[in-house]
C-alpha atoms as a PDB file:
ATOM      1  CA  MET A   1      30.310-148.763 101.445  1.00  0.00           C
ATOM      2  CA  ALA A   2      30.876-147.137 104.936  1.00  0.00           C
ATOM      3  CA  ARG A   3      29.675-143.730 105.518  1.00  0.00           C
ATOM      4  CA  TRP A   4      32.606-141.480 106.891  1.00  0.00           C
ATOM      5  CA  SER A   5      32.147-138.836 109.577  1.00  0.00           C
ATOM      6  CA  TYR A   6      34.403-136.088 110.440  1.00  0.00           C
ATOM      7  CA  PRO A   7      34.727-133.630 113.283  1.00  0.00           C
ATOM      8  CA  ARG A   8      33.718-130.234 112.285  1.00  0.00           C
ATOM      9  CA  PRO A   9      36.995-127.856 112.602  1.00  0.00           C
ATOM     10  CA  SER A  10      36.805-125.132 115.320  1.00  0.00           C
ATOM     11  CA  PRO A  11      36.589-121.685 114.114  1.00  0.00           C
ATOM     12  CA  THR A  12      40.244-120.697 114.815  1.00  0.00           C
ATOM     13  CA  GLU A  13      41.048-123.364 112.509  1.00  0.00           C
ATOM     14  CA  ILE A  14      39.526-122.216 109.347  1.00  0.00           C
ATOM     15  CA  THR A  15      40.882-119.069 107.430  1.00  0.00           C
ATOM     16  CA  SER A  16      37.782-116.883 106.747  1.00  0.00           C
ATOM     17  CA  HIS A  17      36.575-116.976 103.048  1.00  0.00           C
ATOM     18  CA  ARG A  18      36.873-113.217 102.897  1.00  0.00           C
ATOM     19  CA  ALA A  19      40.588-113.325 104.014  1.00  0.00           C
ATOM     20  CA  TRP A  20      41.319-116.117 101.748  1.00  0.00           C
ATOM     21  CA  MET A  21      39.822-114.474  98.843  1.00  0.00           C
ATOM     22  CA  SER A  22      42.017-111.152  99.692  1.00  0.00           C
ATOM     23  CA  ARG A  23      44.912-113.341  99.763  1.00  0.00           C
ATOM     24  CA  ARG A  24      44.029-114.743  96.204  1.00  0.00           C
ATOM     25  CA  ARG A  25      43.579-111.265  94.572  1.00  0.00           C
ATOM     26  CA  PHE A  26      46.908-110.326  95.945  1.00  0.00           C
ATOM     27  CA  LEU A  27      48.455-113.488  94.560  1.00  0.00           C
ATOM     28  CA  ALA A  28      46.721-113.042  91.184  1.00  0.00           C
ATOM     29  CA  ALA A  29      48.033-109.443  91.165  1.00  0.00           C
ATOM     30  CA  SER A  30      51.761-110.527  91.754  1.00  0.00           C
ATOM     31  CA  SER A  31      51.721-113.653  89.665  1.00  0.00           C
ATOM     32  CA  VAL A  32      53.231-112.259  86.618  1.00  0.00           C
ATOM     33  CA  ALA A  33      55.819-110.765  88.467  1.00  0.00           C
ATOM     34  CA  MET A  34      56.370-114.212  90.324  1.00  0.00           C
ATOM     35  CA  GLY A  35      56.467-116.096  86.911  1.00  0.00           C
ATOM     36  CA  GLY A  36      60.225-115.608  86.484  1.00  0.00           C
ATOM     37  CA  MET A  37      61.180-116.821  89.949  1.00  0.00           C
ATOM     38  CA  MET A  38      58.879-119.603  90.074  1.00  0.00           C
ATOM     39  CA  GLY A  39      59.653-121.078  86.587  1.00  0.00           C
ATOM     40  CA  GLN A  40      57.247-121.920  83.609  1.00  0.00           C
ATOM     41  CA  GLY A  41      54.753-123.590  85.678  1.00  0.00           C
ATOM     42  CA  VAL A  42      53.660-120.255  87.073  1.00  0.00           C
ATOM     43  CA  ARG A  43      52.658-118.177  84.146  1.00  0.00           C
ATOM     44  CA  PRO A  44      50.451-115.063  83.570  1.00  0.00           C
ATOM     45  CA  ALA A  45      47.337-117.221  82.676  1.00  0.00           C
ATOM     46  CA  MET A  46      47.289-118.232  86.152  1.00  0.00           C
ATOM     47  CA  ALA A  47      46.334-114.794  87.488  1.00  0.00           C
ATOM     48  CA  GLU A  48      42.626-115.664  86.688  1.00  0.00           C
ATOM     49  CA  GLY A  49      43.002-118.345  89.268  1.00  0.00           C
ATOM     50  CA  LEU A  50      40.892-121.645  89.834  1.00  0.00           C
ATOM     51  CA  GLN A  51      37.256-121.380  90.550  1.00  0.00           C
ATOM     52  CA  THR A  52      37.053-123.319  93.626  1.00  0.00           C
ATOM     53  CA  ARG A  53      34.719-123.538  96.784  1.00  0.00           C
ATOM     54  CA  PRO A  54      36.036-124.073 100.198  1.00  0.00           C
ATOM     55  CA  GLY A  55      36.221-127.725 100.876  1.00  0.00           C
ATOM     56  CA  PRO A  56      35.390-129.488 104.139  1.00  0.00           C
ATOM     57  CA  PHE A  57      38.976-130.258 105.548  1.00  0.00           C
ATOM     58  CA  GLN A  58      41.543-127.759 107.115  1.00  0.00           C
ATOM     59  CA  ALA A  59      44.663-128.101 109.021  1.00  0.00           C
ATOM     60  CA  GLU A  60      45.413-125.936 112.229  1.00  0.00           C
ATOM     61  CA  GLU A  61      48.876-125.010 111.303  1.00  0.00           C
ATOM     62  CA  LYS A  62      49.781-121.453 109.727  1.00  0.00           C
ATOM     63  CA  PRO A  63      50.250-122.417 106.009  1.00  0.00           C
ATOM     64  CA  THR A  64      53.569-122.666 104.431  1.00  0.00           C
ATOM     65  CA  PRO A  65      54.632-119.321 102.217  1.00  0.00           C
ATOM     66  CA  LEU A  66      54.123-120.006  98.439  1.00  0.00           C
ATOM     67  CA  THR A  67      57.826-119.397  97.598  1.00  0.00           C
ATOM     68  CA  ASP A  68      58.881-122.150  99.905  1.00  0.00           C
ATOM     69  CA  VAL A  69      56.148-124.494  98.454  1.00  0.00           C
ATOM     70  CA  THR A  70      57.275-124.073  95.009  1.00  0.00           C
ATOM     71  CA  HIS A  71      61.044-124.001  95.552  1.00  0.00           C
ATOM     72  CA  TYR A  72      61.657-127.124  98.118  1.00  0.00           C
ATOM     73  CA  ASN A  73      60.327-130.037  96.218  1.00  0.00           C
ATOM     74  CA  ASN A  74      61.059-133.764  95.737  1.00  0.00           C
ATOM     75  CA  PHE A  75      60.160-134.413  92.128  1.00  0.00           C
ATOM     76  CA  TYR A  76      62.978-136.711  90.965  1.00  0.00           C
ATOM     77  CA  GLU A  77      61.945-136.624  87.610  1.00  0.00           C
ATOM     78  CA  PHE A  78      63.602-133.182  87.342  1.00  0.00           C
ATOM     79  CA  GLY A  79      66.464-134.066  89.697  1.00  0.00           C
ATOM     80  CA  LEU A  80      67.757-135.237  93.167  1.00  0.00           C
ATOM     81  CA  GLY A  81      68.115-132.072  94.606  1.00  0.00           C
ATOM     82  CA  LYS A  82      65.325-130.000  96.441  1.00  0.00           C
ATOM     83  CA  SER A  83      65.777-127.026  94.276  1.00  0.00           C
ATOM     84  CA  ASP A  84      66.264-129.139  90.942  1.00  0.00           C
ATOM     85  CA  PRO A  85      62.348-129.101  90.089  1.00  0.00           C
ATOM     86  CA  SER A  86      62.133-125.130  90.367  1.00  0.00           C
ATOM     87  CA  THR A  87      65.310-124.765  88.486  1.00  0.00           C
ATOM     88  CA  TYR A  88      64.789-127.298  85.501  1.00  0.00           C
ATOM     89  CA  ALA A  89      60.917-127.730  85.197  1.00  0.00           C
ATOM     90  CA  SER A  90      60.541-124.703  82.781  1.00  0.00           C
ATOM     91  CA  ALA A  91      60.635-126.845  79.804  1.00  0.00           C
ATOM     92  CA  PHE A  92      58.017-129.227  80.883  1.00  0.00           C
ATOM     93  CA  ARG A  93      54.840-129.027  78.882  1.00  0.00           C
ATOM     94  CA  PRO A  94      51.475-129.825  80.944  1.00  0.00           C
ATOM     95  CA  ARG A  95      49.130-129.153  77.982  1.00  0.00           C
ATOM     96  CA  PRO A  96      47.887-130.552  76.277  1.00  0.00           C
ATOM     97  CA  TRP A  97      47.190-133.590  78.755  1.00  0.00           C
ATOM     98  CA  THR A  98      45.165-136.499  78.806  1.00  0.00           C
ATOM     99  CA  LEU A  99      44.470-138.837  81.733  1.00  0.00           C
ATOM    100  CA  SER A 100      43.184-142.136  81.406  1.00  0.00           C
ATOM    101  CA  VAL A 101      41.072-144.381  83.679  1.00  0.00           C
ATOM    102  CA  GLU A 102      41.003-147.974  82.736  1.00  0.00           C
ATOM    103  CA  GLY A 103      41.223-151.485  83.863  1.00  0.00           C
ATOM    104  CA  LEU A 104      38.419-152.997  85.894  1.00  0.00           C
ATOM    105  CA  VAL A 105      35.883-150.457  85.371  1.00  0.00           C
ATOM    106  CA  ALA A 106      32.346-150.377  83.710  1.00  0.00           C
ATOM    107  CA  HIS A 107      33.216-147.421  81.689  1.00  0.00           C
ATOM    108  CA  PRO A 108      36.966-146.739  80.762  1.00  0.00           C
ATOM    109  CA  ARG A 109      37.634-143.378  79.201  1.00  0.00           C
ATOM    110  CA  VAL A 110      40.244-140.786  78.386  1.00  0.00           C
ATOM    111  CA  TRP A 111      40.025-137.386  79.856  1.00  0.00           C
ATOM    112  CA  ASP A 112      41.379-134.109  78.228  1.00  0.00           C
ATOM    113  CA  ILE A 113      42.747-132.572  81.890  1.00  0.00           C
ATOM    114  CA  ASP A 114      40.805-129.214  81.032  1.00  0.00           C
ATOM    115  CA  ARG A 115      37.628-131.273  80.331  1.00  0.00           C
ATOM    116  CA  LEU A 116      37.725-133.287  83.325  1.00  0.00           C
ATOM    117  CA  MET A 117      38.572-130.071  85.592  1.00  0.00           C
ATOM    118  CA  ALA A 118      35.143-128.560  83.955  1.00  0.00           C
ATOM    119  CA  ALA A 119      33.402-131.465  84.861  1.00  0.00           C
ATOM    120  CA  MET A 120      34.324-131.916  88.456  1.00  0.00           C
ATOM    121  CA  THR A 121      33.571-129.664  91.383  1.00  0.00           C
ATOM    122  CA  LEU A 122      36.850-128.046  92.572  1.00  0.00           C
ATOM    123  CA  GLU A 123      37.448-127.524  95.969  1.00  0.00           C
ATOM    124  CA  GLU A 124      40.116-125.795  98.161  1.00  0.00           C
ATOM    125  CA  ARG A 125      41.433-128.073 100.923  1.00  0.00           C
ATOM    126  CA  LEU A 126      44.328-127.297 103.444  1.00  0.00           C
ATOM    127  CA  TYR A 127      46.369-130.256 103.990  1.00  0.00           C
ATOM    128  CA  ARG A 128      49.379-131.139 105.870  1.00  0.00           C
ATOM    129  CA  MET A 129      52.104-132.659 103.662  1.00  0.00           C
ATOM    130  CA  ARG A 130      54.787-134.720 105.144  1.00  0.00           C
ATOM    131  CA  CYS A 131      57.763-136.283 103.465  1.00  0.00           C
ATOM    132  CA  VAL A 132      59.803-139.251 104.569  1.00  0.00           C
ATOM    133  CA  GLU A 133      62.961-137.227 105.113  1.00  0.00           C
ATOM    134  CA  ALA A 134      61.052-135.693 108.093  1.00  0.00           C
ATOM    135  CA  TRP A 135      59.974-132.473 106.853  1.00  0.00           C
ATOM    136  CA  SER A 136      56.574-131.004 106.590  1.00  0.00           C
ATOM    137  CA  MET A 137      54.435-128.404 105.005  1.00  0.00           C
ATOM    138  CA  VAL A 138      50.778-127.056 105.371  1.00  0.00           C
ATOM    139  CA  PHE A 139      49.178-125.332 102.486  1.00  0.00           C
ATOM    140  CA  PRO A 140      45.878-125.310 100.307  1.00  0.00           C
ATOM    141  CA  TRP A 141      45.435-127.547  97.439  1.00  0.00           C
ATOM    142  CA  ASP A 142      42.750-127.002  94.781  1.00  0.00           C
ATOM    143  CA  GLY A 143      41.451-130.095  93.042  1.00  0.00           C
ATOM    144  CA  PHE A 144      38.534-132.823  93.755  1.00  0.00           C
ATOM    145  CA  ALA A 145      38.278-135.985  95.602  1.00  0.00           C
ATOM    146  CA  LEU A 146      39.677-139.082  93.447  1.00  0.00           C
ATOM    147  CA  ALA A 147      36.522-140.723  94.524  1.00  0.00           C
ATOM    148  CA  ASN A 148      34.294-138.617  92.477  1.00  0.00           C
ATOM    149  CA  LEU A 149      36.358-139.496  89.279  1.00  0.00           C
ATOM    150  CA  LEU A 150      36.556-143.204  90.252  1.00  0.00           C
ATOM    151  CA  LYS A 151      32.517-143.246  90.505  1.00  0.00           C
ATOM    152  CA  LEU A 152      32.161-142.088  86.869  1.00  0.00           C
ATOM    153  CA  ALA A 153      34.182-145.124  85.758  1.00  0.00           C
ATOM    154  CA  GLU A 154      32.247-147.448  87.984  1.00  0.00           C
ATOM    155  CA  PRO A 155      34.796-149.793  89.375  1.00  0.00           C
ATOM    156  CA  LEU A 156      33.820-153.448  89.113  1.00  0.00           C
ATOM    157  CA  GLY A 157      33.298-155.805  91.861  1.00  0.00           C
ATOM    158  CA  ASN A 158      36.713-157.458  91.707  1.00  0.00           C
ATOM    159  CA  ALA A 159      38.659-153.908  91.805  1.00  0.00           C
ATOM    160  CA  ARG A 160      40.576-154.119  94.863  1.00  0.00           C
ATOM    161  CA  TYR A 161      43.647-151.587  94.148  1.00  0.00           C
ATOM    162  CA  VAL A 162      44.029-148.448  92.101  1.00  0.00           C
ATOM    163  CA  ALA A 163      47.567-148.013  90.329  1.00  0.00           C
ATOM    164  CA  PHE A 164      48.706-144.570  88.954  1.00  0.00           C
ATOM    165  CA  GLU A 165      51.370-144.018  86.413  1.00  0.00           C
ATOM    166  CA  SER A 166      53.155-140.772  85.832  1.00  0.00           C
ATOM    167  CA  VAL A 167      54.437-139.214  82.637  1.00  0.00           C
ATOM    168  CA  LEU A 168      57.356-140.448  80.654  1.00  0.00           C
ATOM    169  CA  ARG A 169      59.312-137.555  78.739  1.00  0.00           C
ATOM    170  CA  PRO A 170      63.066-137.636  79.227  1.00  0.00           C
ATOM    171  CA  GLU A 171      63.295-134.931  76.914  1.00  0.00           C
ATOM    172  CA  GLN A 172      61.668-132.546  79.090  1.00  0.00           C
ATOM    173  CA  MET A 173      62.466-134.128  82.713  1.00  0.00           C
ATOM    174  CA  PRO A 174      66.206-134.238  82.844  1.00  0.00           C
ATOM    175  CA  GLY A 175      65.859-136.933  85.749  1.00  0.00           C
ATOM    176  CA  GLN A 176      64.469-139.231  83.476  1.00  0.00           C
ATOM    177  CA  GLN A 177      67.545-139.268  80.946  1.00  0.00           C
ATOM    178  CA  PRO A 178      69.271-142.571  80.707  1.00  0.00           C
ATOM    179  CA  GLY A 179      72.702-142.838  82.601  1.00  0.00           C
ATOM    180  CA  LEU A 180      71.749-141.016  85.685  1.00  0.00           C
ATOM    181  CA  ASP A 181      71.610-142.571  89.022  1.00  0.00           C
ATOM    182  CA  SER A 182      67.916-142.430  89.686  1.00  0.00           C
ATOM    183  CA  LEU A 183      64.526-144.228  89.731  1.00  0.00           C
ATOM    184  CA  PRO A 184      63.121-146.503  87.108  1.00  0.00           C
ATOM    185  CA  TRP A 185      60.772-144.730  84.932  1.00  0.00           C
ATOM    186  CA  PRO A 186      57.872-144.112  84.536  1.00  0.00           C
ATOM    187  CA  TYR A 187      57.162-143.380  88.139  1.00  0.00           C
ATOM    188  CA  VAL A 188      54.224-145.705  89.393  1.00  0.00           C
ATOM    189  CA  GLU A 189      52.372-145.670  92.708  1.00  0.00           C
ATOM    190  CA  GLY A 190      49.175-147.539  94.218  1.00  0.00           C
ATOM    191  CA  LEU A 191      46.308-147.640  96.669  1.00  0.00           C
ATOM    192  CA  ARG A 192      43.846-149.764  98.064  1.00  0.00           C
ATOM    193  CA  ILE A 193      40.563-149.022  96.837  1.00  0.00           C
ATOM    194  CA  ASP A 194      39.160-148.110 100.206  1.00  0.00           C
ATOM    195  CA  GLU A 195      42.004-145.683 100.623  1.00  0.00           C
ATOM    196  CA  ALA A 196      41.424-144.314  96.813  1.00  0.00           C
ATOM    197  CA  MET A 197      37.693-143.901  97.512  1.00  0.00           C
ATOM    198  CA  HIS A 198      38.115-142.151 101.104  1.00  0.00           C
ATOM    199  CA  PRO A 199      36.959-138.606 100.979  1.00  0.00           C
ATOM    200  CA  LEU A 200      40.590-137.258 101.974  1.00  0.00           C
ATOM    201  CA  THR A 201      42.227-138.683  98.985  1.00  0.00           C
ATOM    202  CA  PHE A 202      42.343-136.007  96.470  1.00  0.00           C
ATOM    203  CA  LEU A 203      43.442-135.188  92.917  1.00  0.00           C
ATOM    204  CA  ALA A 204      45.439-131.818  92.941  1.00  0.00           C
ATOM    205  CA  VAL A 205      45.059-129.299  90.059  1.00  0.00           C
ATOM    206  CA  GLY A 206      46.317-126.354  91.803  1.00  0.00           C
ATOM    207  CA  LEU A 207      47.635-124.612  94.839  1.00  0.00           C
ATOM    208  CA  TYR A 208      47.081-121.554  96.659  1.00  0.00           C
ATOM    209  CA  GLY A 209      43.969-120.809  94.170  1.00  0.00           C
ATOM    210  CA  GLN A 210      46.451-120.925  91.105  1.00  0.00           C
ATOM    211  CA  THR A 211      47.088-123.478  88.343  1.00  0.00           C
ATOM    212  CA  LEU A 212      49.664-126.342  89.886  1.00  0.00           C
ATOM    213  CA  PRO A 213      53.029-125.214  89.042  1.00  0.00           C
ATOM    214  CA  ASN A 214      55.251-127.702  87.032  1.00  0.00           C
ATOM    215  CA  GLN A 215      57.642-128.194  89.757  1.00  0.00           C
ATOM    216  CA  ASN A 216      54.779-129.157  92.237  1.00  0.00           C
ATOM    217  CA  GLY A 217      53.196-131.926  89.785  1.00  0.00           C
ATOM    218  CA  ALA A 218      51.352-130.170  86.879  1.00  0.00           C
ATOM    219  CA  PRO A 219      48.838-130.773  85.731  1.00  0.00           C
ATOM    220  CA  VAL A 220      47.527-133.206  88.055  1.00  0.00           C
ATOM    221  CA  ARG A 221      48.964-135.132  91.146  1.00  0.00           C
ATOM    222  CA  LEU A 222      47.767-137.290  93.837  1.00  0.00           C
ATOM    223  CA  VAL A 223      47.427-136.053  97.666  1.00  0.00           C
ATOM    224  CA  VAL A 224      46.921-138.759 100.337  1.00  0.00           C
ATOM    225  CA  PRO A 225      47.421-136.554 103.443  1.00  0.00           C
ATOM    226  CA  TRP A 226      47.717-139.283 106.035  1.00  0.00           C
ATOM    227  CA  LYS A 227      50.797-140.789 104.061  1.00  0.00           C
ATOM    228  CA  TYR A 228      54.282-140.055 103.359  1.00  0.00           C
ATOM    229  CA  GLY A 229      54.799-137.615 100.230  1.00  0.00           C
ATOM    230  CA  PHE A 230      56.269-140.235  98.045  1.00  0.00           C
ATOM    231  CA  LYS A 231      52.778-141.494  97.600  1.00  0.00           C
ATOM    232  CA  GLY A 232      51.796-138.337  96.093  1.00  0.00           C
ATOM    233  CA  ILE A 233      52.647-139.535  92.385  1.00  0.00           C
ATOM    234  CA  LYS A 234      52.706-136.336  90.273  1.00  0.00           C
ATOM    235  CA  SER A 235      52.056-135.614  86.553  1.00  0.00           C
ATOM    236  CA  ILE A 236      49.661-138.604  86.310  1.00  0.00           C
ATOM    237  CA  THR A 237      48.833-139.745  82.852  1.00  0.00           C
ATOM    238  CA  ARG A 238      47.111-143.393  83.810  1.00  0.00           C
ATOM    239  CA  ILE A 239      45.090-144.829  86.495  1.00  0.00           C
ATOM    240  CA  ARG A 240      44.090-148.452  86.557  1.00  0.00           C
ATOM    241  CA  LEU A 241      41.874-150.359  88.811  1.00  0.00           C
ATOM    242  CA  VAL A 242      43.324-153.748  89.371  1.00  0.00           C
ATOM    243  CA  GLU A 243      42.790-156.980  91.404  1.00  0.00           C
ATOM    244  CA  LYS A 244      46.214-157.436  92.662  1.00  0.00           C
ATOM    245  CA  MET A 245      48.436-155.286  94.411  1.00  0.00           C
ATOM    246  CA  PRO A 246      50.355-153.136  91.997  1.00  0.00           C
ATOM    247  CA  PRO A 247      54.020-152.377  92.192  1.00  0.00           C
ATOM    248  CA  THR A 248      55.132-148.942  93.198  1.00  0.00           C
ATOM    249  CA  THR A 249      58.397-147.179  92.699  1.00  0.00           C
ATOM    250  CA  TRP A 250      59.973-146.889  96.301  1.00  0.00           C
ATOM    251  CA  ASN A 251      58.877-150.188  97.087  1.00  0.00           C
ATOM    252  CA  ARG A 252      60.407-151.812  94.163  1.00  0.00           C
ATOM    253  CA  MET A 253      63.684-149.897  94.819  1.00  0.00           C
ATOM    254  CA  ASN A 254      63.926-150.799  98.630  1.00  0.00           C
ATOM    255  CA  ALA A 255      61.116-152.797 100.180  1.00  0.00           C
ATOM    256  CA  LEU A 256      62.850-152.763 103.590  1.00  0.00           C
ATOM    257  CA  GLU A 257      62.588-148.934 103.790  1.00  0.00           C
ATOM    258  CA  TYR A 258      59.547-148.217 101.817  1.00  0.00           C
ATOM    259  CA  GLY A 259      56.289-150.045 102.301  1.00  0.00           C
ATOM    260  CA  PHE A 260      53.162-150.132 100.014  1.00  0.00           C
ATOM    261  CA  PHE A 261      50.789-148.385 102.470  1.00  0.00           C
ATOM    262  CA  ALA A 262      53.312-145.656 103.741  1.00  0.00           C
ATOM    263  CA  ASN A 263      51.322-144.527 106.602  1.00  0.00           C
ATOM    264  CA  VAL A 264      52.869-141.734 108.675  1.00  0.00           C
ATOM    265  CA  ASN A 265      53.630-143.685 111.960  1.00  0.00           C
ATOM    266  CA  PRO A 266      55.979-141.721 114.244  1.00  0.00           C
ATOM    267  CA  ASP A 267      56.593-144.978 116.386  1.00  0.00           C
ATOM    268  CA  VAL A 268      58.452-146.914 113.158  1.00  0.00           C
ATOM    269  CA  ASP A 269      61.876-145.372 112.466  1.00  0.00           C
ATOM    270  CA  HIS A 270      63.005-145.276 109.046  1.00  0.00           C
ATOM    271  CA  PRO A 271      66.099-147.693 108.959  1.00  0.00           C
ATOM    272  CA  ARG A 272      68.346-144.390 108.396  1.00  0.00           C
ATOM    273  CA  TRP A 273      66.541-141.811 110.612  1.00  0.00           C
ATOM    274  CA  SER A 274      64.095-141.172 113.230  1.00  0.00           C
ATOM    275  CA  GLN A 275      60.717-140.194 112.176  1.00  0.00           C
ATOM    276  CA  ALA A 276      59.532-139.157 115.622  1.00  0.00           C
ATOM    277  CA  THR A 277      59.903-135.346 114.750  1.00  0.00           C
ATOM    278  CA  GLU A 278      59.690-133.352 111.716  1.00  0.00           C
ATOM    279  CA  ARG A 279      61.211-130.080 110.560  1.00  0.00           C
ATOM    280  CA  VAL A 280      58.717-127.578 109.739  1.00  0.00           C
ATOM    281  CA  ILE A 281      59.501-125.611 106.295  1.00  0.00           C
ATOM    282  CA  GLY A 282      58.967-121.987 106.167  1.00  0.00           C
ATOM    283  CA  GLY A 283      58.258-119.327 108.474  1.00  0.00           C
ATOM    284  CA  GLY A 284      61.699-117.659 108.233  1.00  0.00           C
ATOM    285  CA  GLY A 285      63.671-119.623 105.614  1.00  0.00           C
ATOM    286  CA  PHE A 286      63.692-123.122 105.023  1.00  0.00           C
ATOM    287  CA  PHE A 287      64.812-123.910 108.433  1.00  0.00           C
ATOM    288  CA  GLY A 288      62.857-121.228 110.285  1.00  0.00           C
ATOM    289  CA  GLY A 289      59.879-123.109 111.305  1.00  0.00           C
ATOM    290  CA  GLY A 290      61.567-125.549 113.875  1.00  0.00           C
ATOM    291  CA  ARG A 291      60.850-128.916 114.772  1.00  0.00           C
ATOM    292  CA  LYS A 292      57.700-130.671 115.955  1.00  0.00           C
ATOM    293  CA  ARG A 293      56.502-133.898 117.047  1.00  0.00           C
ATOM    294  CA  THR A 294      55.251-136.355 114.376  1.00  0.00           C
ATOM    295  CA  LEU A 295      51.555-137.193 114.454  1.00  0.00           C
ATOM    296  CA  MET A 296      50.290-140.512 113.767  1.00  0.00           C
ATOM    297  CA  PHE A 297      48.502-140.601 110.343  1.00  0.00           C
ATOM    298  CA  ASN A 298      50.077-137.160 109.901  1.00  0.00           C
ATOM    299  CA  GLY A 299      47.136-135.866 112.359  1.00  0.00           C
ATOM    300  CA  TYR A 300      44.431-137.559 110.450  1.00  0.00           C
ATOM    301  CA  GLY A 301      44.038-140.803 112.546  1.00  0.00           C
ATOM    302  CA  GLU A 302      40.540-139.797 113.491  1.00  0.00           C
ATOM    303  CA  GLN A 303      39.444-139.919 109.863  1.00  0.00           C
ATOM    304  CA  VAL A 304      41.342-142.959 108.792  1.00  0.00           C
ATOM    305  CA  ALA A 305      42.525-145.288 111.483  1.00  0.00           C
ATOM    306  CA  GLY A 306      39.501-147.533 110.901  1.00  0.00           C
ATOM    307  CA  LEU A 307      40.965-148.343 107.358  1.00  0.00           C
ATOM    308  CA  TYR A 308      43.662-150.186 109.200  1.00  0.00           C
ATOM    309  CA  SER A 309      41.953-151.588 112.542  1.00  0.00           C
ATOM    310  CA  GLN A 310      43.042-155.235 111.479  1.00  0.00           C
ATOM    311  CA  MET A 311      46.675-154.507 110.357  1.00  0.00           C
ATOM    312  CA  ASP A 312      49.827-154.426 112.273  1.00  0.00           C
ATOM    313  CA  LEU A 313      51.246-150.880 111.158  1.00  0.00           C
ATOM    314  CA  ARG A 314      54.712-151.997 112.319  1.00  0.00           C
ATOM    315  CA  THR A 315      54.636-154.938 109.631  1.00  0.00           C
ATOM    316  CA  TYR A 316      52.594-153.242 107.076  1.00  0.00           C
ATOM    317  CA  PHE A 317      54.358-149.827 106.859  1.00  0.00           C
END
């Protein structure tokens, strides 16, 4: 397997550990008060925070405020509007929860999410997140590299892809109820195995040092920071290693607009809008951050461009 090397971030790109912990203490003290505002996903138990260590990856932008991160979401299981997840996620129950790892592996297993978190070394990583609708956020995720979980399962030699499946609970997720003009459920996604094993690829179980809120994908979601947001499947229940490229929800809905790879490429427009610039969420309201130029691979080109050196990224989008 290839060895990955990364440029060390400059000191100006890294929030000091002392400053970050001070912010965590403030958030812990105020989490009960914010619970009513942010929905059931933020609850008093979160005041304890997650025990994480600083991760190796940073972003240079100022982090998006927590309120914006938890109130402006794409999570169609709760509705099509950006505010629907925070409005309707209170009925969702992310515990108890199991996550299965199966398929072409030597050691398939069903994990209780809390036992899995205890078995992993949780890290905090500051990543850019960009959605295909041309808006972006930057905030710290807490979780662990997907590769660490897959290595425990020991992928077999013929495993070429990793398929993900989300939860199906229409009684708790109003967007999944029959008769609504939405997506086929459950939500499914996929990565090539080298993408899944890349150190940037992350399973998030928290953000801003707190347990992952319902509206942000509790209790565990995928984060692939160089791809568009729809690759970040939420509330994952099943991971399968397979030999053939698996179906993905948005590619199945409209393959002309949503490719399997979904790498951020500002030189390729979405058929209905330009992707050359993005609207920054936060910093004075949802529209207060202004617009900025979209970066190739969302700014992670130095780390991931080698994965696609033999591919035409206009054809394989």
